[in-house]
Amino acid sequence: MSPVVIGRLSGEDWRTWRRLRLAALADAPGVFHGDPEEERAYDEARGRPWPHG
């Protein structure tokens, strides 16, 4: 088993956040309130604010 690492995301981590967000939406869309298809289409300019929001 891999260790769990907790850290603060920065704007440079937007791809990691996007990957986690899309996985969460696919798993439980009603809990995370978003449209996976819409969010999958977001580009970097739209994706960078996520870790700060």
Protein backbone atom coordinates (compact mmCIF):
# COMPACT_ATOMS: atom_id res chain seq x y z
CA MET A 1 0.00 0.00 0.00
CA SER A 2 1.27 3.47 -0.86
CA PRO A 3 1.53 6.09 1.87
CA VAL A 4 -1.00 8.90 1.91
CA VAL A 5 0.52 12.32 1.25
CA ILE A 6 -1.40 15.47 2.11
CA GLY A 7 -0.34 18.83 0.76
CA ARG A 8 -1.67 22.13 -0.49
CA LEU A 9 -2.33 22.35 -4.23
CA SER A 10 -1.03 25.27 -6.24
CA GLY A 11 -1.97 26.57 -9.66
CA GLU A 12 0.71 24.31 -11.11
CA ASP A 13 -1.21 21.29 -9.77
CA TRP A 14 -4.32 21.99 -11.81
CA ARG A 15 -3.94 18.80 -13.91
CA THR A 16 -3.82 16.67 -10.75
CA TRP A 17 -6.85 18.48 -9.33
CA ARG A 18 -8.70 18.06 -12.65
CA ARG A 19 -7.98 14.32 -12.70
CA LEU A 20 -9.23 13.94 -9.10
CA ARG A 21 -12.28 16.12 -9.72
CA LEU A 22 -13.31 14.16 -12.82
CA ALA A 23 -12.86 10.86 -10.97
CA ALA A 24 -15.05 12.14 -8.12
CA LEU A 25 -17.73 13.30 -10.56
CA ALA A 26 -17.71 9.94 -12.32
CA ASP A 27 -18.01 8.11 -9.01
CA ALA A 28 -20.64 10.29 -7.29
CA PRO A 29 -21.93 13.11 -9.53
CA GLY A 30 -24.78 14.00 -7.15
CA VAL A 31 -22.38 14.63 -4.31
CA PHE A 32 -19.88 16.82 -6.16
CA HIS A 33 -22.41 18.85 -8.21
CA GLY A 34 -20.91 19.11 -11.67
CA ASP A 35 -21.20 17.86 -15.21
CA PRO A 36 -18.27 15.55 -16.00
CA GLU A 37 -18.55 16.12 -19.77
CA GLU A 38 -18.59 19.90 -19.35
CA GLU A 39 -15.67 19.90 -16.92
CA ARG A 40 -13.66 17.46 -19.05
CA ALA A 41 -13.74 20.11 -21.82
CA TYR A 42 -12.26 22.85 -19.59
CA ASP A 43 -8.89 24.10 -20.77
CA GLU A 44 -5.99 25.22 -18.60
CA ALA A 45 -7.34 28.78 -18.21
CA ARG A 46 -10.58 27.40 -16.77
CA GLY A 47 -8.90 24.60 -14.83
CA ARG A 48 -6.24 26.57 -12.99
CA PRO A 49 -8.64 28.33 -10.58
CA TRP A 50 -10.00 24.99 -9.23
CA PRO A 51 -7.35 24.39 -6.58
CA HIS A 52 -7.90 27.89 -5.24
CA GLY A 53 -11.70 27.82 -5.28
